[in-house]
């Protein structure tokens, strides 16, 4: 099936920018090796990348304190970069735990509810935490309050092994996701207002992925309580050998419809006959996305006046009557993966640009056909119609409305 934007193509082509790239460096603590990657400006979440080169200093994680193994059990680690605030050393994990699903609730979960999750077939481990929405420097964010020692093993390898990052959280600082840090233009090392029920200033100690779809920031459980987030409003679940969709449904059956259950790992969907988009739906979503060309990118924006990348996708698909999840990591699960050579208009294109978690999906666009895409690129840019970029390209998803609605 071929769907074209013939009436819009000549109008949209004038928005296609010249190709540009910017080099960025992420250093995980002092003395650690740097992770360097080239980022396409058309699809990279890097604040104002097209306007100026990114300063490596903006991408530094906190200086690492003395290794925990070198400290006596009754001493504290000290990080002079944070005003010589002493905190107990966060122990390094002996092994990592696969985070398969994240549960969030609008109200505290009882001990019985948490136990019922542990008893779901296929679940091998759980970790209770605080979860809720807060304003970080004026931006709405899903925030987790965690015990740094027990939550650390649930995160991606690079994040888990950064001692400086976990000491930063333990001493009361905020770690923002790579996406939020750059697209909300947070001042790394600076102080921003954070508000749930109570407003409090917090130092932004790091930009790093915790490998959990939709999670924008992490603080210690003590800081979460201080700002008014309720305890036991979230659970991270490990079910490494089970079908994640089946476990997700079992959790929802056990806890009720008031909880949100997010998939955190790949799901293989096998169907005899897929339920895919109709020609009318494809034309509608493409026309809707095309009519947003020229509107500004804004992190967290869902339209109609501004958009981020996944907000543009959700808005465009909604116009075609298709309920989509909100964030790109969840949109990645919205149907089977197809080869780029077989991509059709209306398919979704994905990238992984986060150097703290190279497997993390953090950017999405809508394929428009003929090697072109409709995309909300990054802060300082606007919705545009441009050639598909292969830099850090992750893959193509053909949206199944039924699966998308389950996730949404």
Protein backbone atom coordinates (compact mmCIF):
# COMPACT_ATOMS: atom_id res chain seq x y z
CA UNK A 1 0.00 0.00 0.00
CA UNK A 2 1.42 3.39 -0.97
CA UNK A 3 0.20 6.57 0.75
CA UNK A 4 1.57 9.90 -0.46
CA UNK A 5 1.54 13.50 0.72
CA UNK A 6 1.50 14.78 -2.85
CA UNK A 7 -0.37 17.98 -2.04
CA UNK A 8 2.05 18.82 0.78
CA UNK A 9 5.42 17.63 -0.52
CA UNK A 10 6.48 20.78 -2.36
CA UNK A 11 5.39 22.93 0.59
CA UNK A 12 7.20 20.82 3.17
CA UNK A 13 10.51 20.39 1.35
CA UNK A 14 11.49 23.99 2.02
CA UNK A 15 11.65 23.12 5.73
CA UNK A 16 14.35 20.43 5.23
CA UNK A 17 17.57 21.67 6.89
CA UNK A 18 21.14 21.09 5.87
CA UNK A 19 22.75 18.06 7.53
CA UNK A 20 24.62 18.91 10.71
CA UNK A 21 26.29 16.88 13.43
CA UNK A 22 27.60 17.70 16.88
CA UNK A 23 30.01 15.70 19.02
CA UNK A 24 29.11 15.20 22.66
CA UNK A 25 31.08 13.57 25.45
CA UNK A 26 29.71 11.97 28.58
CA UNK A 27 32.17 11.27 31.38
CA UNK A 28 31.01 8.96 34.17
CA UNK A 29 32.91 10.42 37.10
CA UNK A 30 36.50 11.62 37.36
CA UNK A 31 39.04 9.15 36.06
CA UNK A 32 36.42 7.13 34.18
CA UNK A 33 36.69 6.53 30.45
CA UNK A 34 34.60 8.83 28.29
CA UNK A 35 31.77 7.62 26.08
CA UNK A 36 31.79 9.59 22.82
CA UNK A 37 29.15 9.50 20.12
CA UNK A 38 28.21 11.56 17.09
CA UNK A 39 24.68 12.86 17.15
CA UNK A 40 22.54 13.92 14.17
CA UNK A 41 21.05 17.35 14.80
CA UNK A 42 17.85 16.41 12.96
CA UNK A 43 17.03 13.63 15.41
CA UNK A 44 19.19 14.24 18.48
CA UNK A 45 17.82 15.35 21.82
CA UNK A 46 20.58 17.87 22.54
CA UNK A 47 19.58 21.34 23.58
CA UNK A 48 20.26 23.98 20.93
CA UNK A 49 22.69 21.68 19.12
CA UNK A 50 22.12 23.44 15.83
CA UNK A 51 23.01 26.80 17.32
CA UNK A 52 26.23 26.02 19.18
CA UNK A 53 28.55 23.13 20.04
CA UNK A 54 27.77 21.26 23.23
CA UNK A 55 30.15 21.95 26.08
CA UNK A 56 31.52 18.71 27.57
CA UNK A 57 31.23 20.30 31.03
CA UNK A 58 27.43 20.26 30.73
CA UNK A 59 27.49 16.49 30.33
CA UNK A 60 29.64 15.57 33.33
CA UNK A 61 28.34 13.29 36.03
CA UNK A 62 29.41 14.26 39.57
CA UNK A 63 32.99 13.65 40.59
CA UNK A 64 33.31 10.17 42.04
CA UNK A 65 34.06 9.87 45.77
CA UNK A 66 36.52 7.32 47.10
CA UNK A 67 35.56 3.76 46.04
CA UNK A 68 33.26 2.13 48.55
CA UNK A 69 35.51 -0.92 48.78
CA UNK A 70 38.34 1.24 50.10
CA UNK A 71 36.29 2.71 52.95
CA UNK A 72 35.92 1.21 56.42
CA UNK A 73 32.33 0.16 57.14
CA UNK A 74 31.72 2.94 59.67
CA UNK A 75 33.11 5.85 57.64
CA UNK A 76 31.49 8.12 55.08
CA UNK A 77 32.39 9.14 51.57
CA UNK A 78 32.92 12.82 50.86
CA UNK A 79 32.46 14.68 47.58
CA UNK A 80 34.08 18.10 47.69
CA UNK A 81 32.21 19.24 44.57
CA UNK A 82 28.95 19.24 46.54
CA UNK A 83 30.09 21.44 49.38
CA UNK A 84 31.82 18.66 51.34
CA UNK A 85 28.54 17.01 52.31
CA UNK A 86 29.30 13.64 53.89
CA UNK A 87 27.05 10.66 53.13
CA UNK A 88 27.36 6.93 53.69
CA UNK A 89 28.92 5.13 50.75
CA UNK A 90 26.34 3.48 48.51
CA UNK A 91 27.38 -0.18 48.12
CA UNK A 92 28.16 -1.47 44.66
CA UNK A 93 25.78 -4.20 43.47
CA UNK A 94 27.04 -7.78 43.22
CA UNK A 95 24.73 -8.42 40.28
CA UNK A 96 22.23 -6.51 38.16
CA UNK A 97 18.50 -7.25 38.10
CA UNK A 98 16.46 -7.03 34.91
CA UNK A 99 13.70 -4.44 35.24
CA UNK A 100 10.78 -5.84 33.23
CA UNK A 101 7.82 -3.69 34.31
CA UNK A 102 7.18 -0.53 36.33
CA UNK A 103 3.96 -0.13 38.31
CA UNK A 104 2.77 3.30 39.44
CA UNK A 105 -0.31 4.10 41.49
CA UNK A 106 -2.18 7.25 42.45
CA UNK A 107 -2.42 5.98 46.02
CA UNK A 108 -0.14 3.93 48.31
CA UNK A 109 -0.14 0.20 47.68
CA UNK A 110 -0.86 -2.02 50.67
CA UNK A 111 1.53 -4.72 51.83
CA UNK A 112 -1.05 -7.23 50.59
CA UNK A 113 -1.03 -5.62 47.12
CA UNK A 114 2.76 -5.70 46.96
CA UNK A 115 2.73 -9.34 48.03
CA UNK A 116 0.19 -10.15 45.31
CA UNK A 117 2.61 -8.77 42.70
CA UNK A 118 5.40 -10.97 44.06
CA UNK A 119 3.07 -13.97 43.69
CA UNK A 120 2.30 -13.37 40.00
CA UNK A 121 3.59 -16.26 37.90
CA UNK A 122 6.95 -15.40 36.31
CA UNK A 123 7.86 -12.61 38.75
CA UNK A 124 11.26 -13.23 40.35
CA UNK A 125 11.89 -9.94 42.21
CA UNK A 126 10.19 -6.68 43.16
CA UNK A 127 11.29 -3.36 44.61
CA UNK A 128 8.82 -0.91 46.19
CA UNK A 129 9.47 2.82 45.78
CA UNK A 130 7.79 6.22 45.64
CA UNK A 131 6.44 7.33 42.27
CA UNK A 132 4.56 10.45 41.30
CA UNK A 133 4.50 13.56 39.20
CA UNK A 134 6.41 16.67 40.16
CA UNK A 135 7.45 19.92 38.53
CA UNK A 136 11.20 20.06 37.92
CA UNK A 137 12.22 23.60 37.01
CA UNK A 138 8.63 24.11 35.86
CA UNK A 139 8.51 20.96 33.72
CA UNK A 140 6.10 18.12 34.56
CA UNK A 141 8.05 14.96 35.30
CA UNK A 142 7.49 11.41 36.48
CA UNK A 143 9.76 11.19 39.50
CA UNK A 144 10.90 8.16 41.51
CA UNK A 145 11.98 8.26 45.15
CA UNK A 146 14.33 5.35 45.79
CA UNK A 147 16.69 3.77 48.28
CA UNK A 148 19.96 4.22 46.34
CA UNK A 149 21.49 0.99 47.67
CA UNK A 150 18.57 -1.28 46.78
CA UNK A 151 17.49 0.46 43.57
CA UNK A 152 20.97 0.69 42.05
CA UNK A 153 21.05 -2.97 40.79
CA UNK A 154 17.87 -2.38 38.75
CA UNK A 155 19.49 0.21 36.46
CA UNK A 156 21.53 -0.17 33.23
CA UNK A 157 25.14 -1.24 33.59
CA UNK A 158 26.78 2.15 32.97
CA UNK A 159 24.40 3.87 35.39
CA UNK A 160 24.73 1.14 38.02
CA UNK A 161 28.53 1.24 38.06
CA UNK A 162 28.84 5.04 38.45
CA UNK A 163 29.68 5.52 42.13
CA UNK A 164 29.54 9.30 41.77
CA UNK A 165 25.97 9.20 40.52
CA UNK A 166 24.68 7.13 43.45
CA UNK A 167 26.57 9.20 46.00
CA UNK A 168 24.94 12.24 44.38
CA UNK A 169 21.45 10.79 44.88
CA UNK A 170 22.29 9.68 48.44
CA UNK A 171 23.30 13.20 49.46
CA UNK A 172 20.00 14.66 48.26
CA UNK A 173 20.61 15.59 44.62
CA UNK A 174 18.42 14.90 41.60
CA UNK A 175 19.38 12.71 38.65
CA UNK A 176 17.49 13.66 35.49
CA UNK A 177 17.07 11.39 32.49
CA UNK A 178 19.32 12.19 29.56
CA UNK A 179 16.26 13.36 27.60
CA UNK A 180 14.94 15.66 30.29
CA UNK A 181 18.36 17.02 31.16
CA UNK A 182 19.00 18.17 27.63
CA UNK A 183 15.60 18.95 26.20
CA UNK A 184 14.34 20.75 29.31
CA UNK A 185 17.78 22.46 29.41
CA UNK A 186 18.38 21.72 33.08
CA UNK A 187 21.57 23.25 34.56
CA UNK A 188 23.81 20.29 35.39
CA UNK A 189 25.45 21.11 38.72
CA UNK A 190 23.00 23.96 39.27
CA UNK A 191 19.98 24.22 41.54
CA UNK A 192 16.38 24.08 40.31
CA UNK A 193 12.99 24.19 42.08
CA UNK A 194 11.29 20.80 42.44
CA UNK A 195 7.68 20.64 43.56
CA UNK A 196 5.30 17.79 44.31
CA UNK A 197 3.21 18.94 47.27
CA UNK A 198 6.08 20.94 48.72
CA UNK A 199 8.48 23.11 46.74
CA UNK A 200 12.17 22.64 47.46
CA UNK A 201 15.44 23.55 45.75
CA UNK A 202 17.53 20.63 44.48
CA UNK A 203 20.94 20.39 42.86
CA UNK A 204 20.94 18.59 39.49
CA UNK A 205 23.68 16.05 40.12
CA UNK A 206 23.60 13.96 36.93
CA UNK A 207 21.99 13.20 33.60
CA UNK A 208 21.59 9.44 33.24
CA UNK A 209 19.11 6.79 32.18
CA UNK A 210 17.66 4.40 34.75
CA UNK A 211 16.32 2.23 31.94
CA UNK A 212 12.64 2.77 32.78
CA UNK A 213 10.23 4.12 30.20
CA UNK A 214 8.76 7.49 31.07
CA UNK A 215 10.85 8.04 34.23
CA UNK A 216 12.19 11.58 34.05
CA UNK A 217 14.04 11.97 37.34
CA UNK A 218 15.20 10.07 40.43
CA UNK A 219 15.80 11.29 43.98
CA UNK A 220 16.39 9.54 47.29
CA UNK A 221 13.36 8.29 49.21
CA UNK A 222 14.13 10.84 51.95
CA UNK A 223 13.93 13.72 49.45
CA UNK A 224 10.75 12.26 47.94
CA UNK A 225 9.09 12.25 51.38
CA UNK A 226 10.23 15.81 52.02
CA UNK A 227 8.54 17.05 48.83
CA UNK A 228 5.33 15.14 49.59
CA UNK A 229 5.50 12.03 47.40
CA UNK A 230 3.76 9.15 49.11
CA UNK A 231 5.62 5.92 49.85
CA UNK A 232 4.83 2.61 48.15
CA UNK A 233 3.21 4.25 45.13
CA UNK A 234 5.46 2.34 42.74
CA UNK A 235 6.95 -1.11 42.23
CA UNK A 236 9.62 -2.19 39.78
CA UNK A 237 9.19 -5.83 38.75
CA UNK A 238 11.60 -8.40 37.34
CA UNK A 239 10.13 -11.22 35.24
CA UNK A 240 13.02 -12.06 32.92
CA UNK A 241 11.73 -15.39 31.57
CA UNK A 242 8.01 -14.64 31.37
CA UNK A 243 5.83 -13.08 28.69
CA UNK A 244 5.74 -9.44 29.74
CA UNK A 245 2.26 -8.77 28.35
CA UNK A 246 0.85 -11.75 30.29
CA UNK A 247 2.55 -10.62 33.51
CA UNK A 248 1.29 -7.08 32.91
CA UNK A 249 -2.30 -8.28 32.60
CA UNK A 250 -1.99 -10.48 35.70
CA UNK A 251 -0.72 -7.49 37.70
CA UNK A 252 -3.60 -5.32 36.51
CA UNK A 253 -6.08 -8.06 37.41
CA UNK A 254 -4.54 -8.30 40.90
CA UNK A 255 -4.26 -4.56 41.62
CA UNK A 256 -7.14 -3.02 39.69
CA UNK A 257 -7.51 -0.40 36.99
CA UNK A 258 -6.14 2.46 39.10
CA UNK A 259 -2.54 1.33 38.52
CA UNK A 260 -0.36 1.98 35.48
CA UNK A 261 1.92 -0.86 34.36
CA UNK A 262 4.71 0.09 31.94
CA UNK A 263 6.67 -2.40 29.85
CA UNK A 264 10.42 -1.96 30.25
CA UNK A 265 11.78 -4.60 27.89
CA UNK A 266 11.23 -5.94 24.39
CA UNK A 267 8.05 -7.90 23.74
CA UNK A 268 7.89 -10.36 20.86
CA UNK A 269 4.39 -10.22 19.41
CA UNK A 270 3.36 -13.22 17.28
CA UNK A 271 0.08 -12.88 15.39
CA UNK A 272 -1.48 -14.97 12.63
CA UNK A 273 -3.07 -11.86 11.14
CA UNK A 274 -2.02 -8.45 12.34
CA UNK A 275 -4.46 -5.63 12.95
CA UNK A 276 -2.86 -2.70 11.17
CA UNK A 277 -3.78 0.81 10.07
CA UNK A 278 -6.28 1.46 7.31
CA UNK A 279 -5.54 3.76 4.39
CA UNK A 280 -7.89 6.37 5.88
CA UNK A 281 -6.14 6.21 9.27
CA UNK A 282 -2.69 6.56 7.66
CA UNK A 283 -3.78 9.55 5.57
CA UNK A 284 -5.36 11.18 8.61
CA UNK A 285 -2.33 10.81 10.89
CA UNK A 286 0.07 11.95 8.17
CA UNK A 287 -2.03 14.97 7.31
CA UNK A 288 -2.34 15.82 11.01
CA UNK A 289 1.43 15.58 11.56
CA UNK A 290 2.14 17.57 8.41
CA UNK A 291 -0.09 20.41 9.56
CA UNK A 292 2.10 20.78 12.67
CA UNK A 293 5.19 21.64 10.59
CA UNK A 294 6.78 24.84 11.85
CA UNK A 295 5.47 24.54 15.42
CA UNK A 296 8.18 24.65 18.10
CA UNK A 297 9.67 21.67 19.87
CA UNK A 298 9.14 21.76 23.63
CA UNK A 299 10.11 18.96 25.99
CA UNK A 300 7.00 17.27 27.38
CA UNK A 301 4.61 19.11 25.04
CA UNK A 302 1.61 17.24 23.62
CA UNK A 303 0.22 19.96 21.33
CA UNK A 304 -1.53 21.70 19.83
CA UNK A 305 0.86 24.66 19.93
CA UNK A 306 4.15 22.78 20.56
CA UNK A 307 5.36 19.18 20.65
CA UNK A 308 8.10 16.85 21.69
CA UNK A 309 8.83 13.82 19.48
CA UNK A 310 6.48 11.31 21.12
CA UNK A 311 3.88 14.00 21.76
CA UNK A 312 3.67 14.60 17.99
CA UNK A 313 3.18 10.86 17.43
CA UNK A 314 0.47 10.56 20.08
CA UNK A 315 -1.35 13.67 18.82
CA UNK A 316 -1.26 12.57 15.17
CA UNK A 317 -2.43 9.03 15.86
CA UNK A 318 -5.21 10.29 18.15
CA UNK A 319 -6.60 12.25 15.21
CA UNK A 320 -6.94 8.90 13.41
CA UNK A 321 -8.74 7.35 16.38
CA UNK A 322 -5.72 5.38 17.62
CA UNK A 323 -4.78 5.47 21.29
CA UNK A 324 -1.00 5.53 21.66
CA UNK A 325 1.21 5.45 24.75
CA UNK A 326 2.80 8.77 25.63
CA UNK A 327 6.56 8.13 25.56
CA UNK A 328 8.82 6.83 22.79
CA UNK A 329 10.03 3.86 24.87
CA UNK A 330 6.43 2.59 25.09
CA UNK A 331 5.62 3.46 21.47
CA UNK A 332 8.49 1.12 20.53
CA UNK A 333 6.27 -1.75 21.76
CA UNK A 334 3.16 -0.68 19.79
CA UNK A 335 3.46 -3.33 17.07
CA UNK A 336 5.81 -5.69 15.24
CA UNK A 337 9.19 -4.53 13.99
CA UNK A 338 9.77 -4.44 10.22
CA UNK A 339 12.86 -3.89 8.11
CA UNK A 340 13.59 -0.32 7.09
CA UNK A 341 13.49 -1.42 3.44
CA UNK A 342 9.88 -2.50 4.00
CA UNK A 343 8.80 0.66 5.85
CA UNK A 344 5.50 2.20 4.76
CA UNK A 345 4.01 5.64 5.43
CA UNK A 346 2.53 5.71 8.94
CA UNK A 347 5.20 3.40 10.40
CA UNK A 348 7.22 4.72 13.34
CA UNK A 349 10.98 5.24 13.23
CA UNK A 350 13.09 5.06 16.40
CA UNK A 351 16.57 6.03 17.61
CA UNK A 352 18.71 5.47 20.70
CA UNK A 353 20.84 8.54 21.42
CA UNK A 354 21.34 8.25 25.18
CA UNK A 355 25.05 7.58 25.85
CA UNK A 356 24.27 6.41 29.40
CA UNK A 357 22.16 3.53 28.02
CA UNK A 358 22.89 2.68 24.41
CA UNK A 359 19.93 0.25 24.27
CA UNK A 360 17.45 2.91 25.41
CA UNK A 361 14.86 4.14 22.91
CA UNK A 362 14.62 7.90 23.30
CA UNK A 363 13.47 9.39 19.99
CA UNK A 364 10.69 8.72 17.49
CA UNK A 365 9.42 10.05 14.16
CA UNK A 366 6.64 9.21 11.68
CA UNK A 367 7.70 7.76 8.33
CA UNK A 368 6.11 9.75 5.51
CA UNK A 369 7.38 7.67 2.55
CA UNK A 370 10.09 8.21 -0.07
CA UNK A 371 12.84 8.32 2.57
CA UNK A 372 11.25 11.24 4.41
CA UNK A 373 9.87 11.62 7.93
CA UNK A 374 7.79 14.02 10.02
CA UNK A 375 9.53 14.74 13.32
CA UNK A 376 9.75 17.08 16.32
CA UNK A 377 13.56 17.05 16.62
CA UNK A 378 14.88 18.78 19.76
CA UNK A 379 14.90 21.93 21.87
CA UNK A 380 15.50 25.03 19.75
CA UNK A 381 14.01 23.42 16.64
CA UNK A 382 10.50 22.89 15.25
CA UNK A 383 8.35 20.17 13.71
CA UNK A 384 9.67 19.46 10.22
CA UNK A 385 9.64 17.20 7.16
CA UNK A 386 13.17 15.89 6.57
CA UNK A 387 15.11 12.90 5.21
CA UNK A 388 15.38 9.90 7.53
CA UNK A 389 18.64 9.96 9.50
CA UNK A 390 20.55 6.71 10.07
CA UNK A 391 22.66 8.04 12.95
CA UNK A 392 21.90 5.87 16.02
CA UNK A 393 18.90 4.40 14.18
CA UNK A 394 17.14 1.65 16.18
CA UNK A 395 14.38 0.32 13.96
CA UNK A 396 10.87 0.53 12.51
CA UNK A 397 7.54 -0.37 14.13
CA UNK A 398 4.29 -1.00 12.26
CA UNK A 399 1.61 0.11 14.69
CA UNK A 400 -1.02 -2.44 15.70
CA UNK A 401 -3.94 -0.35 17.08
CA UNK A 402 -4.97 -3.12 19.49
CA UNK A 403 -1.52 -3.41 21.06
CA UNK A 404 -1.11 0.38 21.07
CA UNK A 405 -4.41 0.75 22.95
CA UNK A 406 -3.32 -1.82 25.56
CA UNK A 407 -0.11 0.12 26.16
CA UNK A 408 -1.82 3.50 26.05
